[in-house]
Amino acid sequence: MFTGIIETTGEVISVENQGTNLRFTIKSEISPQLKADQSVAHNGVCLTVEEVNNGIHRVTAISETLQKTNLGSWRPGTRINLERCLKMNGRLDGHIVQGHTDGTATCLSIDPLEGSFEIRFRLNSPDAGLVIEKGSICINGISLTCFKVKENCFSVGIIPYTFAHTNISELKQADLVNIEFDVIGKYIQRMIGLRLGKNV
């Protein structure tokens, strides 16, 4: 479990094809502190650390993960957001994040404001109903609040600290981002769907 509060960013050093999987070598300031079998959110995607060596760590994304996320677009030099799992005695500063990406969204616009940024997205998912005004959403692993919610579009506000300490500063119009909807909303949708006889 994660909080959506990014610890640091890392750099993709290499990408290897392994059948239908991709294996990533990543360098970051927390890489030397990781250990094999540890879960770490990479751009909001929970991946298992397979190896730690000389300041780098390696993870593998399987075909299912590659189909639902933007990991297939990673190349050497790609900057990614990293967060280690929540300690049970820690504060939940963001919101409950599982690292189980639900899909992607497309960046429509990035508007600089006085001291912040407004970024608008279009959902590439049939589950737009899970996005609500002032509700939580996870974008590339970052816990953010939605506003200006329309049928399949929404905006988020980015404060200067988040802009400077995550890869959101490198986002461009038309880029794909990983999306994880609020887990409570997903449970409610499932329960209502079952009561209405829908397979949700």
C-alpha atoms as a PDB file:
ATOM      1  CA  MET A   1       0.000   0.000   0.000  1.00  0.00           C
ATOM      2  CA  PHE A   2       1.170   3.524  -0.840  1.00  0.00           C
ATOM      3  CA  THR A   3       0.113   7.119  -0.202  1.00  0.00           C
ATOM      4  CA  GLY A   4       0.803   8.884  -3.494  1.00  0.00           C
ATOM      5  CA  ILE A   5       3.434  11.086  -1.856  1.00  0.00           C
ATOM      6  CA  ILE A   6       6.494  10.721  -4.095  1.00  0.00           C
ATOM      7  CA  GLU A   7       9.783  10.073  -2.278  1.00  0.00           C
ATOM      8  CA  THR A   8      12.129  10.746  -5.154  1.00  0.00           C
ATOM      9  CA  THR A   9      12.568  10.284  -8.864  1.00  0.00           C
ATOM     10  CA  GLY A  10      14.740   7.752 -10.656  1.00  0.00           C
ATOM     11  CA  GLU A  11      16.213   7.357 -14.110  1.00  0.00           C
ATOM     12  CA  VAL A  12      15.708   4.372 -16.403  1.00  0.00           C
ATOM     13  CA  ILE A  13      19.198   3.129 -17.291  1.00  0.00           C
ATOM     14  CA  SER A  14      18.276   0.237 -19.571  1.00  0.00           C
ATOM     15  CA  VAL A  15      15.263  -1.637 -20.976  1.00  0.00           C
ATOM     16  CA  GLU A  16      15.467  -5.335 -21.893  1.00  0.00           C
ATOM     17  CA  ASN A  17      12.911  -7.412 -23.770  1.00  0.00           C
ATOM     18  CA  GLN A  18      12.192 -10.739 -22.072  1.00  0.00           C
ATOM     19  CA  GLY A  19       9.539 -12.440 -24.168  1.00  0.00           C
ATOM     20  CA  THR A  20       6.363 -10.412 -23.645  1.00  0.00           C
ATOM     21  CA  ASN A  21       7.870  -8.736 -20.565  1.00  0.00           C
ATOM     22  CA  LEU A  22      10.147  -5.722 -20.169  1.00  0.00           C
ATOM     23  CA  ARG A  23      12.929  -5.599 -17.580  1.00  0.00           C
ATOM     24  CA  PHE A  24      13.987  -2.150 -16.367  1.00  0.00           C
ATOM     25  CA  THR A  25      17.229  -1.109 -14.696  1.00  0.00           C
ATOM     26  CA  ILE A  26      16.696   2.017 -12.604  1.00  0.00           C
ATOM     27  CA  LYS A  27      19.055   4.339 -10.767  1.00  0.00           C
ATOM     28  CA  SER A  28      17.869   6.529  -7.895  1.00  0.00           C
ATOM     29  CA  GLU A  29      18.950   7.802  -4.496  1.00  0.00           C
ATOM     30  CA  ILE A  30      16.832   5.143  -2.764  1.00  0.00           C
ATOM     31  CA  SER A  31      17.980   2.235  -4.973  1.00  0.00           C
ATOM     32  CA  PRO A  32      20.874   1.264  -2.638  1.00  0.00           C
ATOM     33  CA  GLN A  33      18.389   1.063   0.269  1.00  0.00           C
ATOM     34  CA  LEU A  34      16.057  -1.357  -1.494  1.00  0.00           C
ATOM     35  CA  LYS A  35      16.122  -5.133  -1.252  1.00  0.00           C
ATOM     36  CA  ALA A  36      14.890  -8.013  -3.386  1.00  0.00           C
ATOM     37  CA  ASP A  37      11.155  -8.812  -3.018  1.00  0.00           C
ATOM     38  CA  GLN A  38      10.351  -5.257  -1.899  1.00  0.00           C
ATOM     39  CA  SER A  39       7.357  -3.516  -3.471  1.00  0.00           C
ATOM     40  CA  VAL A  40       7.998  -0.055  -4.912  1.00  0.00           C
ATOM     41  CA  ALA A  41       5.613   2.172  -6.875  1.00  0.00           C
ATOM     42  CA  HIS A  42       7.151   3.226 -10.208  1.00  0.00           C
ATOM     43  CA  ASN A  43       5.042   6.016 -11.755  1.00  0.00           C
ATOM     44  CA  GLY A  44       2.265   4.625  -9.568  1.00  0.00           C
ATOM     45  CA  VAL A  45       2.727   1.010 -10.691  1.00  0.00           C
ATOM     46  CA  CYS A  46       3.607  -1.459  -7.932  1.00  0.00           C
ATOM     47  CA  LEU A  47       6.598  -3.522  -9.111  1.00  0.00           C
ATOM     48  CA  THR A  48       8.703  -6.050  -7.223  1.00  0.00           C
ATOM     49  CA  VAL A  49      12.405  -5.327  -6.837  1.00  0.00           C
ATOM     50  CA  GLU A  50      14.294  -8.288  -8.272  1.00  0.00           C
ATOM     51  CA  GLU A  51      17.887  -7.189  -7.796  1.00  0.00           C
ATOM     52  CA  VAL A  52      19.867  -4.384  -6.152  1.00  0.00           C
ATOM     53  CA  ASN A  53      23.474  -3.798  -7.155  1.00  0.00           C
ATOM     54  CA  ASN A  54      25.875  -0.834  -7.307  1.00  0.00           C
ATOM     55  CA  GLY A  55      23.264   1.854  -6.760  1.00  0.00           C
ATOM     56  CA  ILE A  56      20.700   0.475  -9.207  1.00  0.00           C
ATOM     57  CA  HIS A  57      17.689  -1.797  -8.964  1.00  0.00           C
ATOM     58  CA  ARG A  58      15.865  -3.972 -11.478  1.00  0.00           C
ATOM     59  CA  VAL A  59      12.159  -4.682 -11.932  1.00  0.00           C
ATOM     60  CA  THR A  60      10.065  -6.492 -14.545  1.00  0.00           C
ATOM     61  CA  ALA A  61       6.722  -5.474 -16.012  1.00  0.00           C
ATOM     62  CA  ILE A  62       4.611  -8.297 -17.428  1.00  0.00           C
ATOM     63  CA  SER A  63       2.381  -8.031 -20.503  1.00  0.00           C
ATOM     64  CA  GLU A  64      -0.772  -7.267 -18.470  1.00  0.00           C
ATOM     65  CA  THR A  65       0.963  -4.318 -16.810  1.00  0.00           C
ATOM     66  CA  LEU A  66       2.368  -3.021 -20.097  1.00  0.00           C
ATOM     67  CA  GLN A  67      -1.105  -3.049 -21.685  1.00  0.00           C
ATOM     68  CA  LYS A  68      -2.672  -0.923 -18.932  1.00  0.00           C
ATOM     69  CA  THR A  69       0.130   1.580 -18.241  1.00  0.00           C
ATOM     70  CA  ASN A  70       2.646   3.863 -19.927  1.00  0.00           C
ATOM     71  CA  LEU A  71       5.614   1.645 -18.990  1.00  0.00           C
ATOM     72  CA  GLY A  72       5.960   0.434 -22.564  1.00  0.00           C
ATOM     73  CA  SER A  73       7.054   3.942 -23.554  1.00  0.00           C
ATOM     74  CA  TRP A  74       9.952   4.045 -21.068  1.00  0.00           C
ATOM     75  CA  ARG A  75      13.388   4.440 -22.611  1.00  0.00           C
ATOM     76  CA  PRO A  76      16.891   4.950 -21.176  1.00  0.00           C
ATOM     77  CA  GLY A  77      16.843   8.430 -19.671  1.00  0.00           C
ATOM     78  CA  THR A  78      13.131   8.390 -18.768  1.00  0.00           C
ATOM     79  CA  ARG A  79      12.544  10.000 -15.363  1.00  0.00           C
ATOM     80  CA  ILE A  80      10.059   8.176 -13.143  1.00  0.00           C
ATOM     81  CA  ASN A  81       8.392   8.798  -9.782  1.00  0.00           C
ATOM     82  CA  LEU A  82       9.270   6.403  -6.946  1.00  0.00           C
ATOM     83  CA  GLU A  83       7.577   5.632  -3.640  1.00  0.00           C
ATOM     84  CA  ARG A  84       8.284   2.848  -1.176  1.00  0.00           C
ATOM     85  CA  CYS A  85       5.337   1.192   0.532  1.00  0.00           C
ATOM     86  CA  LEU A  86       3.644   2.771   3.532  1.00  0.00           C
ATOM     87  CA  LYS A  87       4.856   1.869   7.005  1.00  0.00           C
ATOM     88  CA  MET A  88       1.923   0.960   9.221  1.00  0.00           C
ATOM     89  CA  ASN A  89       3.101   3.424  11.868  1.00  0.00           C
ATOM     90  CA  GLY A  90       3.366   6.255   9.343  1.00  0.00           C
ATOM     91  CA  ARG A  91       1.039   9.115   8.452  1.00  0.00           C
ATOM     92  CA  LEU A  92      -1.241   8.789   5.437  1.00  0.00           C
ATOM     93  CA  ASP A  93      -0.398  12.162   3.896  1.00  0.00           C
ATOM     94  CA  GLY A  94      -1.946  11.450   0.482  1.00  0.00           C
ATOM     95  CA  HIS A  95      -4.709   8.862   0.063  1.00  0.00           C
ATOM     96  CA  ILE A  96      -4.909   5.067  -0.062  1.00  0.00           C
ATOM     97  CA  VAL A  97      -3.036   3.921  -3.174  1.00  0.00           C
ATOM     98  CA  GLN A  98      -2.549   0.260  -4.089  1.00  0.00           C
ATOM     99  CA  GLY A  99      -0.164   0.641  -7.009  1.00  0.00           C
ATOM    100  CA  HIS A 100      -2.676  -1.250  -9.183  1.00  0.00           C
ATOM    101  CA  THR A 101      -3.030   1.018 -12.195  1.00  0.00           C
ATOM    102  CA  ASP A 102      -6.519   1.121 -13.705  1.00  0.00           C
ATOM    103  CA  GLY A 103      -5.500   2.568 -17.055  1.00  0.00           C
ATOM    104  CA  THR A 104      -4.186   5.729 -18.635  1.00  0.00           C
ATOM    105  CA  ALA A 105      -5.232   9.299 -19.329  1.00  0.00           C
ATOM    106  CA  THR A 106      -4.069  11.750 -21.977  1.00  0.00           C
ATOM    107  CA  CYS A 107      -2.750  15.186 -21.091  1.00  0.00           C
ATOM    108  CA  LEU A 108      -4.890  17.792 -22.853  1.00  0.00           C
ATOM    109  CA  SER A 109      -3.338  21.008 -21.587  1.00  0.00           C
ATOM    110  CA  ILE A 110      -0.865  22.480 -19.099  1.00  0.00           C
ATOM    111  CA  ASP A 111      -1.713  25.999 -17.955  1.00  0.00           C
ATOM    112  CA  PRO A 112       0.738  27.983 -15.814  1.00  0.00           C
ATOM    113  CA  LEU A 113      -1.040  30.011 -13.151  1.00  0.00           C
ATOM    114  CA  GLU A 114       0.392  32.457 -10.653  1.00  0.00           C
ATOM    115  CA  GLY A 115       2.531  30.090  -8.587  1.00  0.00           C
ATOM    116  CA  SER A 116       0.981  26.789  -9.703  1.00  0.00           C
ATOM    117  CA  PHE A 117      -0.134  24.786 -12.736  1.00  0.00           C
ATOM    118  CA  GLU A 118      -3.503  23.476 -13.883  1.00  0.00           C
ATOM    119  CA  ILE A 119      -3.254  20.286 -15.930  1.00  0.00           C
ATOM    120  CA  ARG A 120      -6.243  18.825 -17.749  1.00  0.00           C
ATOM    121  CA  PHE A 121      -6.639  15.175 -18.708  1.00  0.00           C
ATOM    122  CA  ARG A 122      -8.953  13.005 -20.794  1.00  0.00           C
ATOM    123  CA  LEU A 123      -9.605   9.512 -19.435  1.00  0.00           C
ATOM    124  CA  ASN A 124      -8.915   6.536 -21.688  1.00  0.00           C
ATOM    125  CA  SER A 125     -11.228   4.391 -19.598  1.00  0.00           C
ATOM    126  CA  PRO A 126     -14.947   3.580 -19.364  1.00  0.00           C
ATOM    127  CA  ASP A 127     -14.814   4.267 -15.618  1.00  0.00           C
ATOM    128  CA  ALA A 128     -15.098   8.050 -15.761  1.00  0.00           C
ATOM    129  CA  GLY A 129     -17.768   7.842 -13.054  1.00  0.00           C
ATOM    130  CA  LEU A 130     -15.037   7.049 -10.535  1.00  0.00           C
ATOM    131  CA  VAL A 131     -13.701  10.602 -10.888  1.00  0.00           C
ATOM    132  CA  ILE A 132     -15.612  13.078  -8.743  1.00  0.00           C
ATOM    133  CA  GLU A 133     -15.270  16.766  -7.960  1.00  0.00           C
ATOM    134  CA  LYS A 134     -12.719  17.238  -5.139  1.00  0.00           C
ATOM    135  CA  GLY A 135     -12.078  13.486  -5.120  1.00  0.00           C
ATOM    136  CA  SER A 136      -8.666  11.814  -5.029  1.00  0.00           C
ATOM    137  CA  ILE A 137      -6.860  10.335  -8.007  1.00  0.00           C
ATOM    138  CA  CYS A 138      -3.346   8.988  -8.506  1.00  0.00           C
ATOM    139  CA  ILE A 139      -1.470  10.211 -11.605  1.00  0.00           C
ATOM    140  CA  ASN A 140       1.918   8.610 -12.291  1.00  0.00           C
ATOM    141  CA  GLY A 141       1.928   7.730  -8.602  1.00  0.00           C
ATOM    142  CA  ILE A 142       1.124  11.255  -7.380  1.00  0.00           C
ATOM    143  CA  SER A 143      -1.854  11.744  -5.073  1.00  0.00           C
ATOM    144  CA  LEU A 144      -3.890  14.652  -6.490  1.00  0.00           C
ATOM    145  CA  THR A 145      -7.334  16.226  -6.167  1.00  0.00           C
ATOM    146  CA  CYS A 146      -9.719  16.457  -9.137  1.00  0.00           C
ATOM    147  CA  PHE A 147     -11.702  19.539 -10.124  1.00  0.00           C
ATOM    148  CA  LYS A 148     -13.549  20.841 -13.197  1.00  0.00           C
ATOM    149  CA  VAL A 149     -14.797  17.270 -13.688  1.00  0.00           C
ATOM    150  CA  LYS A 150     -16.770  16.702 -16.908  1.00  0.00           C
ATOM    151  CA  GLU A 151     -17.975  13.530 -18.631  1.00  0.00           C
ATOM    152  CA  ASN A 152     -14.527  12.079 -19.311  1.00  0.00           C
ATOM    153  CA  CYS A 153     -12.199  14.987 -18.477  1.00  0.00           C
ATOM    154  CA  PHE A 154     -10.868  16.508 -15.283  1.00  0.00           C
ATOM    155  CA  SER A 155      -8.200  18.903 -14.048  1.00  0.00           C
ATOM    156  CA  VAL A 156      -5.672  18.808 -11.230  1.00  0.00           C
ATOM    157  CA  GLY A 157      -3.653  21.559  -9.594  1.00  0.00           C
ATOM    158  CA  ILE A 158       0.094  21.193  -9.179  1.00  0.00           C
ATOM    159  CA  ILE A 159       1.885  23.170  -6.464  1.00  0.00           C
ATOM    160  CA  PRO A 160       5.496  24.290  -7.033  1.00  0.00           C
ATOM    161  CA  TYR A 161       6.919  21.626  -4.689  1.00  0.00           C
ATOM    162  CA  THR A 162       5.241  18.788  -6.570  1.00  0.00           C
ATOM    163  CA  PHE A 163       6.270  20.313  -9.893  1.00  0.00           C
ATOM    164  CA  ALA A 164       9.910  20.486  -8.797  1.00  0.00           C
ATOM    165  CA  HIS A 165      10.148  17.079  -7.074  1.00  0.00           C
ATOM    166  CA  THR A 166       8.304  14.759  -9.487  1.00  0.00           C
ATOM    167  CA  ASN A 167       8.350  14.035 -13.207  1.00  0.00           C
ATOM    168  CA  ILE A 168       5.136  16.052 -13.693  1.00  0.00           C
ATOM    169  CA  SER A 169       7.446  18.903 -14.744  1.00  0.00           C
ATOM    170  CA  GLU A 170       8.370  16.896 -17.865  1.00  0.00           C
ATOM    171  CA  LEU A 171       4.774  16.234 -18.890  1.00  0.00           C
ATOM    172  CA  LYS A 172       3.765  17.434 -22.360  1.00  0.00           C
ATOM    173  CA  GLN A 173       0.463  17.764 -24.162  1.00  0.00           C
ATOM    174  CA  ALA A 174      -0.711  14.388 -25.570  1.00  0.00           C
ATOM    175  CA  ASP A 175       1.481  12.398 -23.131  1.00  0.00           C
ATOM    176  CA  LEU A 176      -0.056   9.326 -21.488  1.00  0.00           C
ATOM    177  CA  VAL A 177      -0.066   9.061 -17.694  1.00  0.00           C
ATOM    178  CA  ASN A 178      -0.918   6.148 -15.409  1.00  0.00           C
ATOM    179  CA  ILE A 179      -4.192   6.464 -13.533  1.00  0.00           C
ATOM    180  CA  GLU A 180      -5.366   4.762 -10.346  1.00  0.00           C
ATOM    181  CA  PHE A 181      -8.874   5.576  -9.195  1.00  0.00           C
ATOM    182  CA  ASP A 182      -9.788   5.865  -5.529  1.00  0.00           C
ATOM    183  CA  VAL A 183     -10.105   2.333  -4.128  1.00  0.00           C
ATOM    184  CA  ILE A 184     -13.190   3.169  -2.050  1.00  0.00           C
ATOM    185  CA  GLY A 185     -14.987   4.365  -5.175  1.00  0.00           C
ATOM    186  CA  LYS A 186     -14.086   1.122  -6.959  1.00  0.00           C
ATOM    187  CA  TYR A 187     -15.573  -0.989  -4.152  1.00  0.00           C
ATOM    188  CA  ILE A 188     -18.781   1.069  -4.196  1.00  0.00           C
ATOM    189  CA  GLN A 189     -19.034   0.747  -7.985  1.00  0.00           C
ATOM    190  CA  ARG A 190     -18.591  -3.028  -7.708  1.00  0.00           C
ATOM    191  CA  MET A 191     -21.217  -3.443  -4.987  1.00  0.00           C
ATOM    192  CA  ILE A 192     -23.787  -1.305  -6.805  1.00  0.00           C
ATOM    193  CA  GLY A 193     -23.060  -3.124 -10.065  1.00  0.00           C
ATOM    194  CA  LEU A 194     -23.689  -6.513  -8.458  1.00  0.00           C
ATOM    195  CA  ARG A 195     -26.962  -5.320  -6.935  1.00  0.00           C
ATOM    196  CA  LEU A 196     -28.091  -4.071 -10.339  1.00  0.00           C
ATOM    197  CA  GLY A 197     -27.043  -7.317 -11.949  1.00  0.00           C
ATOM    198  CA  LYS A 198     -24.144  -5.777 -13.869  1.00  0.00           C
ATOM    199  CA  ASN A 199     -20.725  -7.433 -14.115  1.00  0.00           C
ATOM    200  CA  VAL A 200     -18.561  -4.481 -13.013  1.00  0.00           C
END
